[in-house]
């Protein structure tokens, strides 16, 4: 974990970003009092998600596509 004051963080921001990419955590301080923490974002999968993972797991009932009652739709109108 790296602790830096606000002025240091602003002055050397790009170098701290490079350290974040390597997995470091940076604590930003205001007059040596911690106020924020910068952490790297968890890497996401580079593979696309497969389609159809829930196929045949459930069935959408036909009523799902029925028209909604007017009294329910009135809740969404701006009058």
PDB file of N, CA and C in Angstrom:
ATOM      1  N   UNK A   1       0.847  -1.168   0.000  1.00  0.00           N
ATOM      2  CA  UNK A   1       0.000   0.000   0.000  1.00  0.00           C
ATOM      3  C   UNK A   1       0.896   1.236   0.000  1.00  0.00           C
ATOM      4  N   UNK A   2       0.530   2.189  -0.835  1.00  0.00           N
ATOM      5  CA  UNK A   2       1.292   3.424  -0.961  1.00  0.00           C
ATOM      6  C   UNK A   2       0.447   4.555  -0.380  1.00  0.00           C
ATOM      7  N   UNK A   3       1.033   5.381   0.477  1.00  0.00           N
ATOM      8  CA  UNK A   3       0.340   6.547   1.026  1.00  0.00           C
ATOM      9  C   UNK A   3       0.944   7.800   0.414  1.00  0.00           C
ATOM     10  N   UNK A   4       0.077   8.665  -0.133  1.00  0.00           N
ATOM     11  CA  UNK A   4       0.544   9.913  -0.730  1.00  0.00           C
ATOM     12  C   UNK A   4      -0.401  11.038  -0.330  1.00  0.00           C
ATOM     13  N   UNK A   5       0.143  12.241  -0.242  1.00  0.00           N
ATOM     14  CA  UNK A   5      -0.682  13.408  -0.004  1.00  0.00           C
ATOM     15  C   UNK A   5      -1.265  13.888  -1.328  1.00  0.00           C
ATOM     16  N   UNK A   6      -2.278  14.724  -1.248  1.00  0.00           N
ATOM     17  CA  UNK A   6      -3.014  15.167  -2.436  1.00  0.00           C
ATOM     18  C   UNK A   6      -2.078  15.792  -3.462  1.00  0.00           C
ATOM     19  N   UNK A   7      -1.181  16.647  -3.040  1.00  0.00           N
ATOM     20  CA  UNK A   7      -0.268  17.312  -3.978  1.00  0.00           C
ATOM     21  C   UNK A   7       0.586  16.290  -4.728  1.00  0.00           C
ATOM     22  N   UNK A   8       1.117  15.299  -4.012  1.00  0.00           N
ATOM     23  CA  UNK A   8       1.907  14.239  -4.656  1.00  0.00           C
ATOM     24  C   UNK A   8       1.054  13.477  -5.666  1.00  0.00           C
ATOM     25  N   UNK A   9      -0.173  13.163  -5.276  1.00  0.00           N
ATOM     26  CA  UNK A   9      -1.050  12.392  -6.159  1.00  0.00           C
ATOM     27  C   UNK A   9      -1.330  13.151  -7.451  1.00  0.00           C
ATOM     28  N   UNK A  10      -1.572  14.469  -7.332  1.00  0.00           N
ATOM     29  CA  UNK A  10      -1.833  15.270  -8.534  1.00  0.00           C
ATOM     30  C   UNK A  10      -0.581  15.390  -9.396  1.00  0.00           C
ATOM     31  N   UNK A  11       0.556  15.587  -8.770  1.00  0.00           N
ATOM     32  CA  UNK A  11       1.794  15.797  -9.506  1.00  0.00           C
ATOM     33  C   UNK A  11       2.265  14.545 -10.241  1.00  0.00           C
ATOM     34  N   UNK A  12       2.091  13.380  -9.615  1.00  0.00           N
ATOM     35  CA  UNK A  12       2.618  12.132 -10.179  1.00  0.00           C
ATOM     36  C   UNK A  12       1.497  11.139 -10.513  1.00  0.00           C
ATOM     37  N   UNK A  13       0.357  11.667 -10.920  1.00  0.00           N
ATOM     38  CA  UNK A  13      -0.820  10.830 -11.133  1.00  0.00           C
ATOM     39  C   UNK A  13      -0.563   9.689 -12.113  1.00  0.00           C
ATOM     40  N   UNK A  14       0.064   9.971 -13.237  1.00  0.00           N
ATOM     41  CA  UNK A  14       0.262   8.922 -14.247  1.00  0.00           C
ATOM     42  C   UNK A  14       1.168   7.807 -13.730  1.00  0.00           C
ATOM     43  N   UNK A  15       2.165   8.136 -12.935  1.00  0.00           N
ATOM     44  CA  UNK A  15       3.026   7.073 -12.403  1.00  0.00           C
ATOM     45  C   UNK A  15       2.277   6.232 -11.373  1.00  0.00           C
ATOM     46  N   UNK A  16       1.379   6.856 -10.609  1.00  0.00           N
ATOM     47  CA  UNK A  16       0.576   6.083  -9.659  1.00  0.00           C
ATOM     48  C   UNK A  16      -0.423   5.186 -10.383  1.00  0.00           C
ATOM     49  N   UNK A  17      -0.931   5.640 -11.524  1.00  0.00           N
ATOM     50  CA  UNK A  17      -1.823   4.776 -12.315  1.00  0.00           C
ATOM     51  C   UNK A  17      -1.081   3.532 -12.789  1.00  0.00           C
ATOM     52  N   UNK A  18       0.169   3.696 -13.158  1.00  0.00           N
ATOM     53  CA  UNK A  18       0.961   2.542 -13.588  1.00  0.00           C
ATOM     54  C   UNK A  18       1.129   1.548 -12.442  1.00  0.00           C
ATOM     55  N   UNK A  19       1.293   2.060 -11.220  1.00  0.00           N
ATOM     56  CA  UNK A  19       1.410   1.176 -10.062  1.00  0.00           C
ATOM     57  C   UNK A  19       0.088   0.488  -9.747  1.00  0.00           C
ATOM     58  N   UNK A  20      -1.019   1.202  -9.984  1.00  0.00           N
ATOM     59  CA  UNK A  20      -2.339   0.591  -9.796  1.00  0.00           C
ATOM     60  C   UNK A  20      -2.515  -0.600 -10.731  1.00  0.00           C
ATOM     61  N   UNK A  21      -2.067  -0.440 -11.972  1.00  0.00           N
ATOM     62  CA  UNK A  21      -2.190  -1.527 -12.948  1.00  0.00           C
ATOM     63  C   UNK A  21      -1.446  -2.777 -12.502  1.00  0.00           C
ATOM     64  N   UNK A  22      -0.399  -2.584 -11.709  1.00  0.00           N
ATOM     65  CA  UNK A  22       0.381  -3.720 -11.221  1.00  0.00           C
ATOM     66  C   UNK A  22      -0.217  -4.328  -9.959  1.00  0.00           C
ATOM     67  N   UNK A  23      -1.324  -3.744  -9.461  1.00  0.00           N
ATOM     68  CA  UNK A  23      -2.000  -4.316  -8.307  1.00  0.00           C
ATOM     69  C   UNK A  23      -1.822  -3.568  -7.002  1.00  0.00           C
ATOM     70  N   UNK A  24      -1.092  -2.481  -7.014  1.00  0.00           N
ATOM     71  CA  UNK A  24      -0.887  -1.688  -5.798  1.00  0.00           C
ATOM     72  C   UNK A  24      -2.183  -0.982  -5.383  1.00  0.00           C
ATOM     73  N   UNK A  25      -2.295  -0.688  -4.101  1.00  0.00           N
ATOM     74  CA  UNK A  25      -3.371   0.135  -3.571  1.00  0.00           C
ATOM     75  C   UNK A  25      -2.745   1.438  -3.113  1.00  0.00           C
ATOM     76  N   UNK A  26      -3.417   2.560  -3.419  1.00  0.00           N
ATOM     77  CA  UNK A  26      -2.885   3.869  -3.072  1.00  0.00           C
ATOM     78  C   UNK A  26      -3.875   4.576  -2.156  1.00  0.00           C
ATOM     79  N   UNK A  27      -3.381   5.049  -1.024  1.00  0.00           N
ATOM     80  CA  UNK A  27      -4.206   5.806  -0.083  1.00  0.00           C
ATOM     81  C   UNK A  27      -3.870   7.286  -0.261  1.00  0.00           C
ATOM     82  N   UNK A  28      -4.898   8.081  -0.548  1.00  0.00           N
ATOM     83  CA  UNK A  28      -4.728   9.516  -0.719  1.00  0.00           C
ATOM     84  C   UNK A  28      -4.984  10.181   0.638  1.00  0.00           C
ATOM     85  N   UNK A  29      -4.048  11.017   1.066  1.00  0.00           N
ATOM     86  CA  UNK A  29      -4.156  11.671   2.374  1.00  0.00           C
ATOM     87  C   UNK A  29      -4.256  13.180   2.205  1.00  0.00           C
ATOM     88  N   UNK A  30      -4.944  13.809   3.143  1.00  0.00           N
ATOM     89  CA  UNK A  30      -4.990  15.258   3.237  1.00  0.00           C
ATOM     90  C   UNK A  30      -4.299  15.614   4.547  1.00  0.00           C
ATOM     91  N   UNK A  31      -3.103  16.174   4.448  1.00  0.00           N
ATOM     92  CA  UNK A  31      -2.274  16.479   5.619  1.00  0.00           C
ATOM     93  C   UNK A  31      -2.045  15.221   6.463  1.00  0.00           C
ATOM     94  N   UNK A  32      -1.685  14.158   5.771  1.00  0.00           N
ATOM     95  CA  UNK A  32      -1.364  12.854   6.381  1.00  0.00           C
ATOM     96  C   UNK A  32      -2.556  12.142   7.022  1.00  0.00           C
ATOM     97  N   UNK A  33      -3.768  12.604   6.743  1.00  0.00           N
ATOM     98  CA  UNK A  33      -4.978  11.924   7.219  1.00  0.00           C
ATOM     99  C   UNK A  33      -5.633  11.259   6.005  1.00  0.00           C
ATOM    100  N   UNK A  34      -5.767   9.936   6.007  1.00  0.00           N
ATOM    101  CA  UNK A  34      -6.348   9.232   4.857  1.00  0.00           C
ATOM    102  C   UNK A  34      -7.777   9.702   4.556  1.00  0.00           C
ATOM    103  N   UNK A  35      -8.023   9.998   3.273  1.00  0.00           N
ATOM    104  CA  UNK A  35      -9.359  10.436   2.851  1.00  0.00           C
ATOM    105  C   UNK A  35      -9.925   9.577   1.722  1.00  0.00           C
ATOM    106  N   UNK A  36      -9.083   8.870   1.006  1.00  0.00           N
ATOM    107  CA  UNK A  36      -9.569   8.061  -0.112  1.00  0.00           C
ATOM    108  C   UNK A  36      -8.583   6.934  -0.387  1.00  0.00           C
ATOM    109  N   UNK A  37      -9.110   5.914  -1.051  1.00  0.00           N
ATOM    110  CA  UNK A  37      -8.278   4.770  -1.409  1.00  0.00           C
ATOM    111  C   UNK A  37      -8.507   4.456  -2.880  1.00  0.00           C
ATOM    112  N   UNK A  38      -7.423   4.334  -3.622  1.00  0.00           N
ATOM    113  CA  UNK A  38      -7.490   3.932  -5.028  1.00  0.00           C
ATOM    114  C   UNK A  38      -7.052   2.488  -5.129  1.00  0.00           C
ATOM    115  N   UNK A  39      -7.917   1.669  -5.735  1.00  0.00           N
ATOM    116  CA  UNK A  39      -7.609   0.248  -5.920  1.00  0.00           C
ATOM    117  C   UNK A  39      -7.794  -0.092  -7.384  1.00  0.00           C
ATOM    118  N   UNK A  40      -7.036  -1.055  -7.879  1.00  0.00           N
ATOM    119  CA  UNK A  40      -7.247  -1.465  -9.271  1.00  0.00           C
ATOM    120  C   UNK A  40      -8.609  -2.153  -9.414  1.00  0.00           C
ATOM    121  N   UNK A  41      -9.214  -1.987 -10.555  1.00  0.00           N
ATOM    122  CA  UNK A  41     -10.475  -2.654 -10.853  1.00  0.00           C
ATOM    123  C   UNK A  41     -10.184  -4.114 -11.145  1.00  0.00           C
ATOM    124  N   UNK A  42     -11.036  -4.989 -10.629  1.00  0.00           N
ATOM    125  CA  UNK A  42     -10.867  -6.415 -10.898  1.00  0.00           C
ATOM    126  C   UNK A  42     -10.939  -6.649 -12.404  1.00  0.00           C
ATOM    127  N   UNK A  43     -10.022  -7.430 -12.907  1.00  0.00           N
ATOM    128  CA  UNK A  43     -10.016  -7.682 -14.346  1.00  0.00           C
ATOM    129  C   UNK A  43     -11.264  -8.471 -14.739  1.00  0.00           C
ATOM    130  N   UNK A  44     -11.773  -8.121 -15.876  1.00  0.00           N
ATOM    131  CA  UNK A  44     -12.950  -8.813 -16.383  1.00  0.00           C
ATOM    132  C   UNK A  44     -12.510  -9.886 -17.365  1.00  0.00           C
ATOM    133  N   UNK A  45     -13.361 -10.821 -17.581  1.00  0.00           N
ATOM    134  CA  UNK A  45     -13.051 -11.900 -18.504  1.00  0.00           C
ATOM    135  C   UNK A  45     -12.958 -11.347 -19.920  1.00  0.00           C
ATOM    136  N   UNK A  46     -11.976 -11.784 -20.644  1.00  0.00           N
ATOM    137  CA  UNK A  46     -11.831 -11.325 -22.025  1.00  0.00           C
ATOM    138  C   UNK A  46     -12.649 -12.184 -22.989  1.00  0.00           C
ATOM    139  N   UNK A  47     -13.184 -13.285 -22.478  1.00  0.00           N
ATOM    140  CA  UNK A  47     -13.997 -14.155 -23.324  1.00  0.00           C
ATOM    141  C   UNK A  47     -15.440 -13.668 -23.327  1.00  0.00           C
ATOM    142  N   UNK A  48     -16.106 -13.689 -24.471  1.00  0.00           N
ATOM    143  CA  UNK A  48     -17.515 -13.315 -24.482  1.00  0.00           C
ATOM    144  C   UNK A  48     -18.358 -14.348 -23.730  1.00  0.00           C
ATOM    145  N   UNK A  49     -19.422 -13.869 -23.088  1.00  0.00           N
ATOM    146  CA  UNK A  49     -20.300 -14.776 -22.361  1.00  0.00           C
ATOM    147  C   UNK A  49     -21.059 -15.648 -23.350  1.00  0.00           C
ATOM    148  N   UNK A  50     -21.173 -16.936 -23.083  1.00  0.00           N
ATOM    149  CA  UNK A  50     -21.923 -17.805 -23.991  1.00  0.00           C
ATOM    150  C   UNK A  50     -23.415 -17.510 -23.918  1.00  0.00           C
ATOM    151  N   UNK A  51     -24.075 -17.646 -25.041  1.00  0.00           N
ATOM    152  CA  UNK A  51     -25.516 -17.405 -25.124  1.00  0.00           C
ATOM    153  C   UNK A  51     -26.251 -18.696 -24.796  1.00  0.00           C
ATOM    154  N   UNK A  52     -27.334 -18.569 -24.049  1.00  0.00           N
ATOM    155  CA  UNK A  52     -28.189 -19.722 -23.789  1.00  0.00           C
ATOM    156  C   UNK A  52     -27.839 -20.507 -22.550  1.00  0.00           C
ATOM    157  N   UNK A  53     -27.209 -19.882 -21.556  1.00  0.00           N
ATOM    158  CA  UNK A  53     -26.838 -20.606 -20.347  1.00  0.00           C
ATOM    159  C   UNK A  53     -28.057 -21.122 -19.574  1.00  0.00           C
ATOM    160  N   UNK A  54     -29.189 -20.402 -19.681  1.00  0.00           N
ATOM    161  CA  UNK A  54     -30.380 -20.792 -18.917  1.00  0.00           C
ATOM    162  C   UNK A  54     -31.416 -21.493 -19.804  1.00  0.00           C
ATOM    163  N   UNK A  55     -30.995 -21.943 -20.964  1.00  0.00           N
ATOM    164  CA  UNK A  55     -31.931 -22.583 -21.874  1.00  0.00           C
ATOM    165  C   UNK A  55     -32.561 -23.809 -21.205  1.00  0.00           C
ATOM    166  N   UNK A  56     -33.878 -23.909 -21.308  1.00  0.00           N
ATOM    167  CA  UNK A  56     -34.693 -24.998 -20.749  1.00  0.00           C
ATOM    168  C   UNK A  56     -34.692 -25.035 -19.215  1.00  0.00           C
ATOM    169  N   UNK A  57     -34.243 -23.971 -18.562  1.00  0.00           N
ATOM    170  CA  UNK A  57     -34.269 -23.913 -17.097  1.00  0.00           C
ATOM    171  C   UNK A  57     -35.607 -23.374 -16.590  1.00  0.00           C
ATOM    172  N   UNK A  58     -36.252 -22.526 -17.383  1.00  0.00           N
ATOM    173  CA  UNK A  58     -37.555 -21.987 -16.995  1.00  0.00           C
ATOM    174  C   UNK A  58     -38.338 -21.655 -18.255  1.00  0.00           C
ATOM    175  N   UNK A  59     -39.636 -21.444 -18.074  1.00  0.00           N
ATOM    176  CA  UNK A  59     -40.491 -21.109 -19.208  1.00  0.00           C
ATOM    177  C   UNK A  59     -41.229 -19.827 -18.885  1.00  0.00           C
ATOM    178  N   UNK A  60     -41.242 -18.905 -19.810  1.00  0.00           N
ATOM    179  CA  UNK A  60     -41.990 -17.669 -19.631  1.00  0.00           C
ATOM    180  C   UNK A  60     -43.446 -17.970 -19.959  1.00  0.00           C
ATOM    181  N   UNK A  61     -44.361 -17.722 -19.006  1.00  0.00           N
ATOM    182  CA  UNK A  61     -45.768 -18.021 -19.272  1.00  0.00           C
ATOM    183  C   UNK A  61     -46.341 -17.086 -20.332  1.00  0.00           C
ATOM    184  N   UNK A  62     -47.336 -17.562 -21.058  1.00  0.00           N
ATOM    185  CA  UNK A  62     -47.959 -16.760 -22.120  1.00  0.00           C
ATOM    186  C   UNK A  62     -48.555 -15.470 -21.564  1.00  0.00           C
ATOM    187  N   UNK A  63     -49.026 -15.479 -20.302  1.00  0.00           N
ATOM    188  CA  UNK A  63     -49.640 -14.295 -19.699  1.00  0.00           C
ATOM    189  C   UNK A  63     -48.646 -13.147 -19.564  1.00  0.00           C
ATOM    190  N   UNK A  64     -47.378 -13.452 -19.590  1.00  0.00           N
ATOM    191  CA  UNK A  64     -46.351 -12.428 -19.467  1.00  0.00           C
ATOM    192  C   UNK A  64     -46.497 -11.373 -20.567  1.00  0.00           C
ATOM    193  N   UNK A  65     -46.963 -11.787 -21.735  1.00  0.00           N
ATOM    194  CA  UNK A  65     -47.061 -10.897 -22.881  1.00  0.00           C
ATOM    195  C   UNK A  65     -48.433 -10.231 -22.993  1.00  0.00           C
ATOM    196  N   UNK A  66     -49.343 -10.492 -22.042  1.00  0.00           N
ATOM    197  CA  UNK A  66     -50.656  -9.849 -22.057  1.00  0.00           C
ATOM    198  C   UNK A  66     -50.505  -8.362 -21.785  1.00  0.00           C
ATOM    199  N   UNK A  67     -51.484  -7.602 -22.278  1.00  0.00           N
ATOM    200  CA  UNK A  67     -51.497  -6.164 -22.049  1.00  0.00           C
ATOM    201  C   UNK A  67     -51.723  -5.893 -20.557  1.00  0.00           C
ATOM    202  N   UNK A  68     -51.025  -4.884 -20.030  1.00  0.00           N
ATOM    203  CA  UNK A  68     -51.165  -4.550 -18.617  1.00  0.00           C
ATOM    204  C   UNK A  68     -52.473  -3.802 -18.377  1.00  0.00           C
ATOM    205  N   UNK A  69     -53.085  -3.966 -17.204  1.00  0.00           N
ATOM    206  CA  UNK A  69     -54.323  -3.253 -16.894  1.00  0.00           C
ATOM    207  C   UNK A  69     -54.093  -1.734 -16.861  1.00  0.00           C
ATOM    208  N   UNK A  70     -55.099  -0.973 -17.264  1.00  0.00           N
ATOM    209  CA  UNK A  70     -54.970   0.478 -17.330  1.00  0.00           C
ATOM    210  C   UNK A  70     -54.651   1.081 -15.956  1.00  0.00           C
ATOM    211  N   UNK A  71     -55.261   0.557 -14.895  1.00  0.00           N
ATOM    212  CA  UNK A  71     -54.996   1.109 -13.561  1.00  0.00           C
ATOM    213  C   UNK A  71     -53.520   0.973 -13.172  1.00  0.00           C
ATOM    214  N   UNK A  72     -52.894  -0.071 -13.638  1.00  0.00           N
ATOM    215  CA  UNK A  72     -51.462  -0.248 -13.388  1.00  0.00           C
ATOM    216  C   UNK A  72     -50.650   0.735 -14.229  1.00  0.00           C
ATOM    217  N   UNK A  73     -51.031   0.924 -15.479  1.00  0.00           N
ATOM    218  CA  UNK A  73     -50.318   1.850 -16.367  1.00  0.00           C
ATOM    219  C   UNK A  73     -50.420   3.280 -15.884  1.00  0.00           C
ATOM    220  N   UNK A  74     -51.517   3.618 -15.180  1.00  0.00           N
ATOM    221  CA  UNK A  74     -51.700   4.970 -14.675  1.00  0.00           C
ATOM    222  C   UNK A  74     -50.602   5.361 -13.684  1.00  0.00           C
ATOM    223  N   UNK A  75     -50.018   4.412 -13.005  1.00  0.00           N
ATOM    224  CA  UNK A  75     -48.941   4.720 -12.073  1.00  0.00           C
ATOM    225  C   UNK A  75     -47.714   5.291 -12.776  1.00  0.00           C
ATOM    226  N   UNK A  76     -47.573   4.991 -14.061  1.00  0.00           N
ATOM    227  CA  UNK A  76     -46.408   5.433 -14.804  1.00  0.00           C
ATOM    228  C   UNK A  76     -46.632   6.705 -15.622  1.00  0.00           C
ATOM    229  N   UNK A  77     -47.860   7.206 -15.643  1.00  0.00           N
ATOM    230  CA  UNK A  77     -48.124   8.413 -16.422  1.00  0.00           C
ATOM    231  C   UNK A  77     -47.861   9.640 -15.556  1.00  0.00           C
ATOM    232  N   UNK A  78     -47.381  10.695 -16.178  1.00  0.00           N
ATOM    233  CA  UNK A  78     -47.071  11.954 -15.484  1.00  0.00           C
ATOM    234  C   UNK A  78     -48.200  12.920 -15.709  1.00  0.00           C
ATOM    235  N   UNK A  79     -49.061  13.051 -14.750  1.00  0.00           N
ATOM    236  CA  UNK A  79     -50.190  13.979 -14.884  1.00  0.00           C
ATOM    237  C   UNK A  79     -50.138  15.021 -13.806  1.00  0.00           C
TER     238      UNK A  79
END
